[in-house]
PDB file of N, CA and C in Angstrom:
ATOM      1  N   MET A   1      -3.941  -5.852 -23.681  1.00  0.00           N
ATOM      2  CA  MET A   1      -5.012  -5.082 -23.070  1.00  0.00           C
ATOM      3  C   MET A   1      -5.537  -5.841 -21.845  1.00  0.00           C
ATOM      4  N   LEU A   2      -5.765  -5.128 -20.775  1.00  0.00           N
ATOM      5  CA  LEU A   2      -6.301  -5.743 -19.563  1.00  0.00           C
ATOM      6  C   LEU A   2      -7.778  -6.048 -19.725  1.00  0.00           C
ATOM      7  N   GLN A   3      -8.202  -7.132 -19.119  1.00  0.00           N
ATOM      8  CA  GLN A   3      -9.613  -7.493 -19.144  1.00  0.00           C
ATOM      9  C   GLN A   3     -10.305  -6.918 -17.915  1.00  0.00           C
ATOM     10  N   ASN A   4     -11.538  -6.523 -18.105  1.00  0.00           N
ATOM     11  CA  ASN A   4     -12.321  -5.971 -17.006  1.00  0.00           C
ATOM     12  C   ASN A   4     -13.022  -7.105 -16.276  1.00  0.00           C
ATOM     13  N   ASN A   5     -12.377  -7.578 -15.199  1.00  0.00           N
ATOM     14  CA  ASN A   5     -12.976  -8.601 -14.342  1.00  0.00           C
ATOM     15  C   ASN A   5     -13.369  -7.997 -12.999  1.00  0.00           C
ATOM     16  N   THR A   6     -13.537  -6.676 -12.975  1.00  0.00           N
ATOM     17  CA  THR A   6     -13.723  -5.969 -11.712  1.00  0.00           C
ATOM     18  C   THR A   6     -15.178  -5.779 -11.320  1.00  0.00           C
ATOM     19  N   GLY A   7     -16.073  -5.919 -12.260  1.00  0.00           N
ATOM     20  CA  GLY A   7     -17.468  -5.624 -11.989  1.00  0.00           C
ATOM     21  C   GLY A   7     -17.819  -4.167 -12.276  1.00  0.00           C
ATOM     22  N   LEU A   8     -16.814  -3.350 -12.619  1.00  0.00           N
ATOM     23  CA  LEU A   8     -17.072  -1.956 -12.994  1.00  0.00           C
ATOM     24  C   LEU A   8     -17.608  -1.918 -14.415  1.00  0.00           C
ATOM     25  N   ASN A   9     -18.427  -0.895 -14.714  1.00  0.00           N
ATOM     26  CA  ASN A   9     -18.880  -0.804 -16.097  1.00  0.00           C
ATOM     27  C   ASN A   9     -17.699  -0.428 -16.987  1.00  0.00           C
ATOM     28  N   ALA A  10     -17.804  -0.705 -18.274  1.00  0.00           N
ATOM     29  CA  ALA A  10     -16.685  -0.563 -19.220  1.00  0.00           C
ATOM     30  C   ALA A  10     -16.147   0.865 -19.255  1.00  0.00           C
ATOM     31  N   GLU A  11     -17.028   1.852 -19.197  1.00  0.00           N
ATOM     32  CA  GLU A  11     -16.602   3.248 -19.270  1.00  0.00           C
ATOM     33  C   GLU A  11     -15.730   3.628 -18.071  1.00  0.00           C
ATOM     34  N   VAL A  12     -16.136   3.226 -16.891  1.00  0.00           N
ATOM     35  CA  VAL A  12     -15.371   3.516 -15.681  1.00  0.00           C
ATOM     36  C   VAL A  12     -14.048   2.764 -15.706  1.00  0.00           C
ATOM     37  N   PHE A  13     -14.073   1.491 -16.105  1.00  0.00           N
ATOM     38  CA  PHE A  13     -12.855   0.695 -16.170  1.00  0.00           C
ATOM     39  C   PHE A  13     -11.854   1.333 -17.141  1.00  0.00           C
ATOM     40  N   ASP A  14     -12.328   1.743 -18.316  1.00  0.00           N
ATOM     41  CA  ASP A  14     -11.441   2.389 -19.297  1.00  0.00           C
ATOM     42  C   ASP A  14     -10.865   3.690 -18.752  1.00  0.00           C
ATOM     43  N   ALA A  15     -11.681   4.463 -18.037  1.00  0.00           N
ATOM     44  CA  ALA A  15     -11.189   5.715 -17.452  1.00  0.00           C
ATOM     45  C   ALA A  15     -10.110   5.440 -16.415  1.00  0.00           C
ATOM     46  N   LEU A  16     -10.302   4.403 -15.596  1.00  0.00           N
ATOM     47  CA  LEU A  16      -9.303   4.062 -14.591  1.00  0.00           C
ATOM     48  C   LEU A  16      -8.004   3.591 -15.241  1.00  0.00           C
ATOM     49  N   LEU A  17      -8.100   2.861 -16.345  1.00  0.00           N
ATOM     50  CA  LEU A  17      -6.889   2.461 -17.076  1.00  0.00           C
ATOM     51  C   LEU A  17      -6.144   3.678 -17.591  1.00  0.00           C
ATOM     52  N   LEU A  18      -6.880   4.658 -18.102  1.00  0.00           N
ATOM     53  CA  LEU A  18      -6.239   5.884 -18.582  1.00  0.00           C
ATOM     54  C   LEU A  18      -5.561   6.633 -17.446  1.00  0.00           C
ATOM     55  N   VAL A  19      -6.220   6.692 -16.302  1.00  0.00           N
ATOM     56  CA  VAL A  19      -5.623   7.348 -15.139  1.00  0.00           C
ATOM     57  C   VAL A  19      -4.340   6.635 -14.750  1.00  0.00           C
ATOM     58  N   ALA A  20      -4.390   5.288 -14.676  1.00  0.00           N
ATOM     59  CA  ALA A  20      -3.220   4.507 -14.281  1.00  0.00           C
ATOM     60  C   ALA A  20      -2.070   4.695 -15.262  1.00  0.00           C
ATOM     61  N   ALA A  21      -2.387   4.862 -16.543  1.00  0.00           N
ATOM     62  CA  ALA A  21      -1.354   5.032 -17.565  1.00  0.00           C
ATOM     63  C   ALA A  21      -0.860   6.475 -17.648  1.00  0.00           C
ATOM     64  N   GLY A  22      -1.496   7.373 -16.914  1.00  0.00           N
ATOM     65  CA  GLY A  22      -1.092   8.770 -16.938  1.00  0.00           C
ATOM     66  C   GLY A  22      -1.712   9.565 -18.074  1.00  0.00           C
ATOM     67  N   GLY A  23      -2.632   8.946 -18.828  1.00  0.00           N
ATOM     68  CA  GLY A  23      -3.247   9.625 -19.964  1.00  0.00           C
ATOM     69  C   GLY A  23      -4.411  10.514 -19.578  1.00  0.00           C
ATOM     70  N   LEU A  24      -4.991  10.291 -18.447  1.00  0.00           N
ATOM     71  CA  LEU A  24      -6.118  11.094 -17.973  1.00  0.00           C
ATOM     72  C   LEU A  24      -5.855  11.388 -16.510  1.00  0.00           C
ATOM     73  N   THR A  25      -5.767  12.630 -16.177  1.00  0.00           N
ATOM     74  CA  THR A  25      -5.483  12.987 -14.791  1.00  0.00           C
ATOM     75  C   THR A  25      -6.548  13.952 -14.280  1.00  0.00           C
ATOM     76  N   PRO A  26      -7.737  13.438 -13.969  1.00  0.00           N
ATOM     77  CA  PRO A  26      -8.806  14.317 -13.504  1.00  0.00           C
ATOM     78  C   PRO A  26      -8.471  15.016 -12.199  1.00  0.00           C
ATOM     79  N   TRP A  27      -7.481  14.509 -11.448  1.00  0.00           N
ATOM     80  CA  TRP A  27      -7.146  15.109 -10.169  1.00  0.00           C
ATOM     81  C   TRP A  27      -6.326  16.380 -10.324  1.00  0.00           C
ATOM     82  N   GLU A  28      -5.774  16.637 -11.506  1.00  0.00           N
ATOM     83  CA  GLU A  28      -4.950  17.825 -11.681  1.00  0.00           C
ATOM     84  C   GLU A  28      -5.722  19.104 -11.378  1.00  0.00           C
ATOM     85  N   SER A  29      -7.009  19.073 -11.638  1.00  0.00           N
ATOM     86  CA  SER A  29      -7.807  20.251 -11.341  1.00  0.00           C
ATOM     87  C   SER A  29      -8.393  20.193  -9.940  1.00  0.00           C
ATOM     88  N   GLY A  30      -7.951  19.241  -9.143  1.00  0.00           N
ATOM     89  CA  GLY A  30      -8.400  19.143  -7.762  1.00  0.00           C
ATOM     90  C   GLY A  30      -9.673  18.346  -7.641  1.00  0.00           C
ATOM     91  N   PRO A  31     -10.063  18.034  -6.419  1.00  0.00           N
ATOM     92  CA  PRO A  31     -11.247  17.206  -6.210  1.00  0.00           C
ATOM     93  C   PRO A  31     -12.535  17.882  -6.661  1.00  0.00           C
ATOM     94  N   ASP A  32     -12.512  19.193  -6.919  1.00  0.00           N
ATOM     95  CA  ASP A  32     -13.711  19.879  -7.375  1.00  0.00           C
ATOM     96  C   ASP A  32     -13.777  19.962  -8.892  1.00  0.00           C
ATOM     97  N   GLY A  33     -12.772  19.426  -9.608  1.00  0.00           N
ATOM     98  CA  GLY A  33     -12.743  19.501 -11.062  1.00  0.00           C
ATOM     99  C   GLY A  33     -13.899  18.740 -11.698  1.00  0.00           C
ATOM    100  N   ALA A  34     -14.343  19.221 -12.867  1.00  0.00           N
ATOM    101  CA  ALA A  34     -15.492  18.624 -13.544  1.00  0.00           C
ATOM    102  C   ALA A  34     -15.219  17.183 -13.958  1.00  0.00           C
ATOM    103  N   GLN A  35     -14.033  16.901 -14.491  1.00  0.00           N
ATOM    104  CA  GLN A  35     -13.713  15.533 -14.897  1.00  0.00           C
ATOM    105  C   GLN A  35     -13.729  14.601 -13.693  1.00  0.00           C
ATOM    106  N   HIS A  36     -13.140  15.069 -12.618  1.00  0.00           N
ATOM    107  CA  HIS A  36     -13.076  14.255 -11.407  1.00  0.00           C
ATOM    108  C   HIS A  36     -14.478  13.976 -10.883  1.00  0.00           C
ATOM    109  N   ALA A  37     -15.294  15.000 -10.809  1.00  0.00           N
ATOM    110  CA  ALA A  37     -16.661  14.839 -10.311  1.00  0.00           C
ATOM    111  C   ALA A  37     -17.438  13.852 -11.176  1.00  0.00           C
ATOM    112  N   ALA A  38     -17.265  13.950 -12.504  1.00  0.00           N
ATOM    113  CA  ALA A  38     -17.980  13.048 -13.407  1.00  0.00           C
ATOM    114  C   ALA A  38     -17.519  11.604 -13.208  1.00  0.00           C
ATOM    115  N   LEU A  39     -16.220  11.413 -13.039  1.00  0.00           N
ATOM    116  CA  LEU A  39     -15.694  10.068 -12.837  1.00  0.00           C
ATOM    117  C   LEU A  39     -16.215   9.482 -11.523  1.00  0.00           C
ATOM    118  N   MET A  40     -16.195  10.277 -10.461  1.00  0.00           N
ATOM    119  CA  MET A  40     -16.686   9.790  -9.172  1.00  0.00           C
ATOM    120  C   MET A  40     -18.171   9.424  -9.259  1.00  0.00           C
ATOM    121  N   LYS A  41     -18.938  10.235  -9.971  1.00  0.00           N
ATOM    122  CA  LYS A  41     -20.366   9.955 -10.117  1.00  0.00           C
ATOM    123  C   LYS A  41     -20.576   8.642 -10.866  1.00  0.00           C
ATOM    124  N   ARG A  42     -19.809   8.432 -11.947  1.00  0.00           N
ATOM    125  CA  ARG A  42     -19.934   7.190 -12.711  1.00  0.00           C
ATOM    126  C   ARG A  42     -19.525   5.981 -11.881  1.00  0.00           C
ATOM    127  N   MET A  43     -18.614   6.175 -10.941  1.00  0.00           N
ATOM    128  CA  MET A  43     -18.158   5.071 -10.099  1.00  0.00           C
ATOM    129  C   MET A  43     -19.070   4.858  -8.893  1.00  0.00           C
ATOM    130  N   GLY A  44     -20.042   5.755  -8.711  1.00  0.00           N
ATOM    131  CA  GLY A  44     -20.977   5.616  -7.598  1.00  0.00           C
ATOM    132  C   GLY A  44     -20.415   6.083  -6.273  1.00  0.00           C
ATOM    133  N   ILE A  45     -19.405   6.951  -6.314  1.00  0.00           N
ATOM    134  CA  ILE A  45     -18.786   7.458  -5.089  1.00  0.00           C
ATOM    135  C   ILE A  45     -19.420   8.794  -4.733  1.00  0.00           C
ATOM    136  N   THR A  46     -19.936   8.900  -3.526  1.00  0.00           N
ATOM    137  CA  THR A  46     -20.597  10.138  -3.105  1.00  0.00           C
ATOM    138  C   THR A  46     -19.568  11.246  -2.904  1.00  0.00           C
ATOM    139  N   LYS A  47     -20.044  12.468  -2.928  1.00  0.00           N
ATOM    140  CA  LYS A  47     -19.164  13.616  -2.722  1.00  0.00           C
ATOM    141  C   LYS A  47     -18.529  13.560  -1.333  1.00  0.00           C
ATOM    142  N   GLU A  48     -19.298  13.163  -0.340  1.00  0.00           N
ATOM    143  CA  GLU A  48     -18.779  13.076   1.026  1.00  0.00           C
ATOM    144  C   GLU A  48     -17.661  12.039   1.135  1.00  0.00           C
ATOM    145  N   ARG A  49     -17.885  10.875   0.524  1.00  0.00           N
ATOM    146  CA  ARG A  49     -16.870   9.821   0.554  1.00  0.00           C
ATOM    147  C   ARG A  49     -15.596  10.264  -0.171  1.00  0.00           C
ATOM    148  N   ASP A  50     -15.769  10.940  -1.306  1.00  0.00           N
ATOM    149  CA  ASP A  50     -14.628  11.439  -2.073  1.00  0.00           C
ATOM    150  C   ASP A  50     -13.863  12.496  -1.277  1.00  0.00           C
ATOM    151  N   GLU A  51     -14.575  13.405  -0.634  1.00  0.00           N
ATOM    152  CA  GLU A  51     -13.914  14.438   0.166  1.00  0.00           C
ATOM    153  C   GLU A  51     -13.147  13.820   1.328  1.00  0.00           C
ATOM    154  N   GLU A  52     -13.726  12.790   1.961  1.00  0.00           N
ATOM    155  CA  GLU A  52     -13.035  12.097   3.052  1.00  0.00           C
ATOM    156  C   GLU A  52     -11.763  11.441   2.540  1.00  0.00           C
ATOM    157  N   TRP A  53     -11.829  10.822   1.361  1.00  0.00           N
ATOM    158  CA  TRP A  53     -10.639  10.194   0.777  1.00  0.00           C
ATOM    159  C   TRP A  53      -9.549  11.237   0.559  1.00  0.00           C
ATOM    160  N   HIS A  54      -9.918  12.391   0.024  1.00  0.00           N
ATOM    161  CA  HIS A  54      -8.926  13.443  -0.244  1.00  0.00           C
ATOM    162  C   HIS A  54      -8.353  14.043   1.039  1.00  0.00           C
ATOM    163  N   ARG A  55      -9.105  13.990   2.137  1.00  0.00           N
ATOM    164  CA  ARG A  55      -8.572  14.452   3.413  1.00  0.00           C
ATOM    165  C   ARG A  55      -7.550  13.476   3.984  1.00  0.00           C
ATOM    166  N   THR A  56      -7.695  12.199   3.652  1.00  0.00           N
ATOM    167  CA  THR A  56      -6.861  11.177   4.278  1.00  0.00           C
ATOM    168  C   THR A  56      -5.809  10.564   3.354  1.00  0.00           C
ATOM    169  N   HIS A  57      -5.779  10.947   2.079  1.00  0.00           N
ATOM    170  CA  HIS A  57      -4.830  10.363   1.125  1.00  0.00           C
ATOM    171  C   HIS A  57      -4.156  11.458   0.300  1.00  0.00           C
ATOM    172  N   LEU A  58      -2.956  11.172  -0.144  1.00  0.00           N
ATOM    173  CA  LEU A  58      -2.271  12.052  -1.083  1.00  0.00           C
ATOM    174  C   LEU A  58      -2.695  11.678  -2.497  1.00  0.00           C
ATOM    175  N   THR A  59      -2.969  12.682  -3.327  1.00  0.00           N
ATOM    176  CA  THR A  59      -3.266  12.401  -4.728  1.00  0.00           C
ATOM    177  C   THR A  59      -1.971  12.028  -5.435  1.00  0.00           C
ATOM    178  N   LEU A  60      -2.078  11.502  -6.642  1.00  0.00           N
ATOM    179  CA  LEU A  60      -0.878  11.154  -7.406  1.00  0.00           C
ATOM    180  C   LEU A  60      -0.003  12.389  -7.627  1.00  0.00           C
ATOM    181  N   GLY A  61      -0.627  13.518  -7.903  1.00  0.00           N
ATOM    182  CA  GLY A  61       0.129  14.759  -8.096  1.00  0.00           C
ATOM    183  C   GLY A  61       0.885  15.171  -6.835  1.00  0.00           C
ATOM    184  N   GLU A  62       0.235  15.041  -5.671  1.00  0.00           N
ATOM    185  CA  GLU A  62       0.899  15.358  -4.405  1.00  0.00           C
ATOM    186  C   GLU A  62       2.042  14.396  -4.126  1.00  0.00           C
ATOM    187  N   GLN A  63       1.842  13.121  -4.458  1.00  0.00           N
ATOM    188  CA  GLN A  63       2.915  12.140  -4.276  1.00  0.00           C
ATOM    189  C   GLN A  63       4.120  12.499  -5.144  1.00  0.00           C
ATOM    190  N   ARG A  64       3.861  12.826  -6.420  1.00  0.00           N
ATOM    191  CA  ARG A  64       4.952  13.193  -7.328  1.00  0.00           C
ATOM    192  C   ARG A  64       5.663  14.446  -6.846  1.00  0.00           C
ATOM    193  N   ALA A  65       4.895  15.446  -6.412  1.00  0.00           N
ATOM    194  CA  ALA A  65       5.479  16.715  -5.967  1.00  0.00           C
ATOM    195  C   ALA A  65       6.392  16.517  -4.764  1.00  0.00           C
ATOM    196  N   ARG A  66       6.050  15.578  -3.904  1.00  0.00           N
ATOM    197  CA  ARG A  66       6.863  15.304  -2.715  1.00  0.00           C
ATOM    198  C   ARG A  66       7.954  14.270  -2.976  1.00  0.00           C
ATOM    199  N   GLY A  67       8.012  13.741  -4.197  1.00  0.00           N
ATOM    200  CA  GLY A  67       9.008  12.738  -4.529  1.00  0.00           C
ATOM    201  C   GLY A  67       8.754  11.400  -3.863  1.00  0.00           C
ATOM    202  N   LEU A  68       7.479  11.075  -3.621  1.00  0.00           N
ATOM    203  CA  LEU A  68       7.120   9.841  -2.924  1.00  0.00           C
ATOM    204  C   LEU A  68       6.810   8.725  -3.910  1.00  0.00           C
ATOM    205  N   THR A  69       7.097   7.509  -3.522  1.00  0.00           N
ATOM    206  CA  THR A  69       6.775   6.323  -4.309  1.00  0.00           C
ATOM    207  C   THR A  69       6.038   5.346  -3.410  1.00  0.00           C
ATOM    208  N   HIS A  70       4.929   4.820  -3.902  1.00  0.00           N
ATOM    209  CA  HIS A  70       4.146   3.853  -3.129  1.00  0.00           C
ATOM    210  C   HIS A  70       4.945   2.573  -2.946  1.00  0.00           C
ATOM    211  N   VAL A  71       4.880   2.007  -1.761  1.00  0.00           N
ATOM    212  CA  VAL A  71       5.542   0.732  -1.480  1.00  0.00           C
ATOM    213  C   VAL A  71       4.545  -0.205  -0.805  1.00  0.00           C
ATOM    214  N   GLU A  72       4.786  -1.470  -0.946  1.00  0.00           N
ATOM    215  CA  GLU A  72       3.982  -2.478  -0.262  1.00  0.00           C
ATOM    216  C   GLU A  72       4.658  -2.774   1.073  1.00  0.00           C
ATOM    217  N   ALA A  73       3.983  -2.484   2.156  1.00  0.00           N
ATOM    218  CA  ALA A  73       4.551  -2.704   3.489  1.00  0.00           C
ATOM    219  C   ALA A  73       4.922  -4.164   3.711  1.00  0.00           C
ATOM    220  N   ALA A  74       4.136  -5.077   3.157  1.00  0.00           N
ATOM    221  CA  ALA A  74       4.434  -6.499   3.325  1.00  0.00           C
ATOM    222  C   ALA A  74       5.780  -6.853   2.694  1.00  0.00           C
ATOM    223  N   ALA A  75       6.107  -6.210   1.578  1.00  0.00           N
ATOM    224  CA  ALA A  75       7.396  -6.483   0.918  1.00  0.00           C
ATOM    225  C   ALA A  75       8.549  -5.999   1.790  1.00  0.00           C
ATOM    226  N   ILE A  76       8.373  -4.852   2.424  1.00  0.00           N
ATOM    227  CA  ILE A  76       9.414  -4.342   3.319  1.00  0.00           C
ATOM    228  C   ILE A  76       9.550  -5.264   4.524  1.00  0.00           C
ATOM    229  N   GLY A  77       8.424  -5.688   5.071  1.00  0.00           N
ATOM    230  CA  GLY A  77       8.459  -6.607   6.203  1.00  0.00           C
ATOM    231  C   GLY A  77       9.140  -7.916   5.851  1.00  0.00           C
ATOM    232  N   ALA A  78       8.831  -8.452   4.671  1.00  0.00           N
ATOM    233  CA  ALA A  78       9.453  -9.708   4.234  1.00  0.00           C
ATOM    234  C   ALA A  78      10.952  -9.523   4.053  1.00  0.00           C
ATOM    235  N   GLY A  79      11.355  -8.369   3.523  1.00  0.00           N
ATOM    236  CA  GLY A  79      12.778  -8.089   3.360  1.00  0.00           C
ATOM    237  C   GLY A  79      13.484  -7.992   4.701  1.00  0.00           C
ATOM    238  N   PHE A  80      12.835  -7.376   5.677  1.00  0.00           N
ATOM    239  CA  PHE A  80      13.412  -7.259   7.013  1.00  0.00           C
ATOM    240  C   PHE A  80      13.563  -8.633   7.661  1.00  0.00           C
ATOM    241  N   VAL A  81      12.540  -9.467   7.530  1.00  0.00           N
ATOM    242  CA  VAL A  81      12.609 -10.818   8.087  1.00  0.00           C
ATOM    243  C   VAL A  81      13.750 -11.594   7.431  1.00  0.00           C
ATOM    244  N   ALA A  82      13.891 -11.491   6.104  1.00  0.00           N
ATOM    245  CA  ALA A  82      14.977 -12.190   5.404  1.00  0.00           C
ATOM    246  C   ALA A  82      16.341 -11.694   5.895  1.00  0.00           C
ATOM    247  N   TRP A  83      16.457 -10.387   6.125  1.00  0.00           N
ATOM    248  CA  TRP A  83      17.705  -9.816   6.636  1.00  0.00           C
ATOM    249  C   TRP A  83      18.002 -10.351   8.038  1.00  0.00           C
ATOM    250  N   CYS A  84      16.967 -10.453   8.875  1.00  0.00           N
ATOM    251  CA  CYS A  84      17.142 -10.995  10.232  1.00  0.00           C
ATOM    252  C   CYS A  84      17.587 -12.454  10.192  1.00  0.00           C
ATOM    253  N   VAL A  85      17.084 -13.209   9.220  1.00  0.00           N
ATOM    254  CA  VAL A  85      17.518 -14.604   9.060  1.00  0.00           C
ATOM    255  C   VAL A  85      19.004 -14.626   8.716  1.00  0.00           C
ATOM    256  N   LYS A  86      19.433 -13.740   7.794  1.00  0.00           N
ATOM    257  CA  LYS A  86      20.856 -13.682   7.419  1.00  0.00           C
ATOM    258  C   LYS A  86      21.739 -13.311   8.608  1.00  0.00           C
ATOM    259  N   GLN A  87      21.220 -12.477   9.505  1.00  0.00           N
ATOM    260  CA  GLN A  87      21.976 -12.092  10.698  1.00  0.00           C
ATOM    261  C   GLN A  87      22.054 -13.222  11.716  1.00  0.00           C
ATOM    262  N   GLY A  88      21.190 -14.230  11.543  1.00  0.00           N
ATOM    263  CA  GLY A  88      21.134 -15.327  12.508  1.00  0.00           C
ATOM    264  C   GLY A  88      20.207 -15.028  13.672  1.00  0.00           C
ATOM    265  N   TRP A  89      19.471 -13.926  13.577  1.00  0.00           N
ATOM    266  CA  TRP A  89      18.558 -13.550  14.653  1.00  0.00           C
ATOM    267  C   TRP A  89      17.263 -14.335  14.594  1.00  0.00           C
ATOM    268  N   LEU A  90      16.853 -14.707  13.390  1.00  0.00           N
ATOM    269  CA  LEU A  90      15.658 -15.522  13.206  1.00  0.00           C
ATOM    270  C   LEU A  90      16.055 -16.799  12.485  1.00  0.00           C
ATOM    271  N   LEU A  91      15.407 -17.877  12.853  1.00  0.00           N
ATOM    272  CA  LEU A  91      15.621 -19.164  12.207  1.00  0.00           C
ATOM    273  C   LEU A  91      14.312 -19.576  11.564  1.00  0.00           C
ATOM    274  N   ARG A  92      14.390 -20.046  10.330  1.00  0.00           N
ATOM    275  CA  ARG A  92      13.170 -20.471   9.640  1.00  0.00           C
ATOM    276  C   ARG A  92      13.083 -21.982   9.644  1.00  0.00           C
ATOM    277  N   ARG A  93      11.924 -22.452  10.055  1.00  0.00           N
ATOM    278  CA  ARG A  93      11.626 -23.880  10.025  1.00  0.00           C
ATOM    279  C   ARG A  93      10.281 -24.026   9.325  1.00  0.00           C
ATOM    280  N   GLY A  94      10.322 -24.420   8.070  1.00  0.00           N
ATOM    281  CA  GLY A  94       9.090 -24.497   7.278  1.00  0.00           C
ATOM    282  C   GLY A  94       8.528 -23.100   7.077  1.00  0.00           C
ATOM    283  N   ALA A  95       7.292 -22.921   7.482  1.00  0.00           N
ATOM    284  CA  ALA A  95       6.646 -21.608   7.351  1.00  0.00           C
ATOM    285  C   ALA A  95       6.741 -20.785   8.628  1.00  0.00           C
ATOM    286  N   GLU A  96       7.433 -21.309   9.644  1.00  0.00           N
ATOM    287  CA  GLU A  96       7.518 -20.618  10.927  1.00  0.00           C
ATOM    288  C   GLU A  96       8.911 -20.045  11.147  1.00  0.00           C
ATOM    289  N   TYR A  97       8.955 -18.997  11.956  1.00  0.00           N
ATOM    290  CA  TYR A  97      10.219 -18.356  12.317  1.00  0.00           C
ATOM    291  C   TYR A  97      10.383 -18.397  13.835  1.00  0.00           C
ATOM    292  N   PHE A  98      11.626 -18.578  14.264  1.00  0.00           N
ATOM    293  CA  PHE A  98      11.940 -18.619  15.680  1.00  0.00           C
ATOM    294  C   PHE A  98      13.102 -17.662  15.933  1.00  0.00           C
ATOM    295  N   ALA A  99      13.032 -16.904  17.022  1.00  0.00           N
ATOM    296  CA  ALA A  99      14.091 -15.960  17.362  1.00  0.00           C
ATOM    297  C   ALA A  99      15.157 -16.661  18.195  1.00  0.00           C
ATOM    298  N   SER A 100      16.426 -16.403  17.828  1.00  0.00           N
ATOM    299  CA  SER A 100      17.537 -16.907  18.639  1.00  0.00           C
ATOM    300  C   SER A 100      17.694 -15.998  19.854  1.00  0.00           C
ATOM    301  N   LYS A 101      18.500 -16.420  20.832  1.00  0.00           N
ATOM    302  CA  LYS A 101      18.752 -15.565  21.997  1.00  0.00           C
ATOM    303  C   LYS A 101      19.369 -14.242  21.552  1.00  0.00           C
ATOM    304  N   GLU A 102      20.321 -14.324  20.628  1.00  0.00           N
ATOM    305  CA  GLU A 102      20.933 -13.097  20.096  1.00  0.00           C
ATOM    306  C   GLU A 102      19.886 -12.250  19.380  1.00  0.00           C
ATOM    307  N   GLY A 103      18.991 -12.900  18.639  1.00  0.00           N
ATOM    308  CA  GLY A 103      17.937 -12.180  17.933  1.00  0.00           C
ATOM    309  C   GLY A 103      17.020 -11.435  18.876  1.00  0.00           C
ATOM    310  N   ILE A 104      16.634 -12.094  19.960  1.00  0.00           N
ATOM    311  CA  ILE A 104      15.773 -11.443  20.953  1.00  0.00           C
ATOM    312  C   ILE A 104      16.465 -10.189  21.491  1.00  0.00           C
ATOM    313  N   ARG A 105      17.757 -10.322  21.795  1.00  0.00           N
ATOM    314  CA  ARG A 105      18.524  -9.197  22.342  1.00  0.00           C
ATOM    315  C   ARG A 105      18.673  -8.077  21.294  1.00  0.00           C
ATOM    316  N   GLU A 106      19.115  -8.429  20.090  1.00  0.00           N
ATOM    317  CA  GLU A 106      19.382  -7.426  19.059  1.00  0.00           C
ATOM    318  C   GLU A 106      18.121  -6.735  18.555  1.00  0.00           C
ATOM    319  N   LEU A 107      17.052  -7.492  18.353  1.00  0.00           N
ATOM    320  CA  LEU A 107      15.801  -6.889  17.895  1.00  0.00           C
ATOM    321  C   LEU A 107      15.274  -5.895  18.927  1.00  0.00           C
ATOM    322  N   GLY A 108      15.434  -6.224  20.203  1.00  0.00           N
ATOM    323  CA  GLY A 108      15.013  -5.305  21.262  1.00  0.00           C
ATOM    324  C   GLY A 108      15.891  -4.079  21.337  1.00  0.00           C
ATOM    325  N   ALA A 109      17.207  -4.286  21.310  1.00  0.00           N
ATOM    326  CA  ALA A 109      18.147  -3.171  21.466  1.00  0.00           C
ATOM    327  C   ALA A 109      18.142  -2.241  20.255  1.00  0.00           C
ATOM    328  N   ARG A 110      18.135  -2.793  19.070  1.00  0.00           N
ATOM    329  CA  ARG A 110      18.243  -1.976  17.853  1.00  0.00           C
ATOM    330  C   ARG A 110      16.928  -1.402  17.363  1.00  0.00           C
ATOM    331  N   PHE A 111      15.848  -2.161  17.510  1.00  0.00           N
ATOM    332  CA  PHE A 111      14.580  -1.777  16.883  1.00  0.00           C
ATOM    333  C   PHE A 111      13.420  -1.670  17.863  1.00  0.00           C
ATOM    334  N   GLU A 112      13.675  -1.899  19.147  1.00  0.00           N
ATOM    335  CA  GLU A 112      12.632  -1.882  20.162  1.00  0.00           C
ATOM    336  C   GLU A 112      11.510  -2.870  19.847  1.00  0.00           C
ATOM    337  N   ILE A 113      11.889  -3.996  19.237  1.00  0.00           N
ATOM    338  CA  ILE A 113      10.944  -5.070  18.943  1.00  0.00           C
ATOM    339  C   ILE A 113      11.032  -6.067  20.095  1.00  0.00           C
ATOM    340  N   VAL A 114       9.927  -6.256  20.789  1.00  0.00           N
ATOM    341  CA  VAL A 114       9.897  -7.176  21.926  1.00  0.00           C
ATOM    342  C   VAL A 114       9.416  -8.536  21.429  1.00  0.00           C
ATOM    343  N   VAL A 115      10.269  -9.523  21.567  1.00  0.00           N
ATOM    344  CA  VAL A 115       9.920 -10.889  21.182  1.00  0.00           C
ATOM    345  C   VAL A 115       9.442 -11.601  22.438  1.00  0.00           C
ATOM    346  N   GLU A 116       8.193 -11.977  22.434  1.00  0.00           N
ATOM    347  CA  GLU A 116       7.627 -12.656  23.588  1.00  0.00           C
ATOM    348  C   GLU A 116       7.629 -14.154  23.362  1.00  0.00           C
ATOM    349  N   ARG A 117       7.905 -14.867  24.400  1.00  0.00           N
ATOM    350  CA  ARG A 117       7.875 -16.327  24.302  1.00  0.00           C
ATOM    351  C   ARG A 117       6.431 -16.786  24.256  1.00  0.00           C
ATOM    352  N   THR A 118       6.163 -17.692  23.347  1.00  0.00           N
ATOM    353  CA  THR A 118       4.807 -18.252  23.227  1.00  0.00           C
ATOM    354  C   THR A 118       4.893 -19.747  23.425  1.00  0.00           C
ATOM    355  N   ALA A 119       3.760 -20.330  23.719  1.00  0.00           N
ATOM    356  CA  ALA A 119       3.698 -21.789  23.886  1.00  0.00           C
ATOM    357  C   ALA A 119       4.024 -22.451  22.560  1.00  0.00           C
ATOM    358  N   ARG A 120       4.815 -23.505  22.616  1.00  0.00           N
ATOM    359  CA  ARG A 120       5.148 -24.233  21.391  1.00  0.00           C
ATOM    360  C   ARG A 120       3.921 -24.994  20.925  1.00  0.00           C
ATOM    361  N   ARG A 121       3.856 -25.158  19.644  1.00  0.00           N
ATOM    362  CA  ARG A 121       2.713 -25.880  19.053  1.00  0.00           C
ATOM    363  C   ARG A 121       2.898 -27.351  19.153  1.00  0.00           C
TER     364      ARG A 121
END
């Protein structure tokens, strides 16, 4: 069982765990649903803030309907950097990366990534 170290009250934390596990889906009835409204009120989220969130985000149901899966952009970026290292376009020295001449050319030509020269540390 997960511990509530979030600062949320126990009832809200338990409801969020149920939502995450798929056991409670207040969004199925839309942002105007009674369960959803009650949950938002318990979490201290105003109706205006909730409506703005729904205008700018896909609900879990919308994500599923479109066949979408959430990804961490940083993980994709890290994977791309690792791939560039394998290509020999980037060289890693400790925690820093340096672009080779071929890397500068290929990153620009293939991905429109402009590598600018910076002052060495």
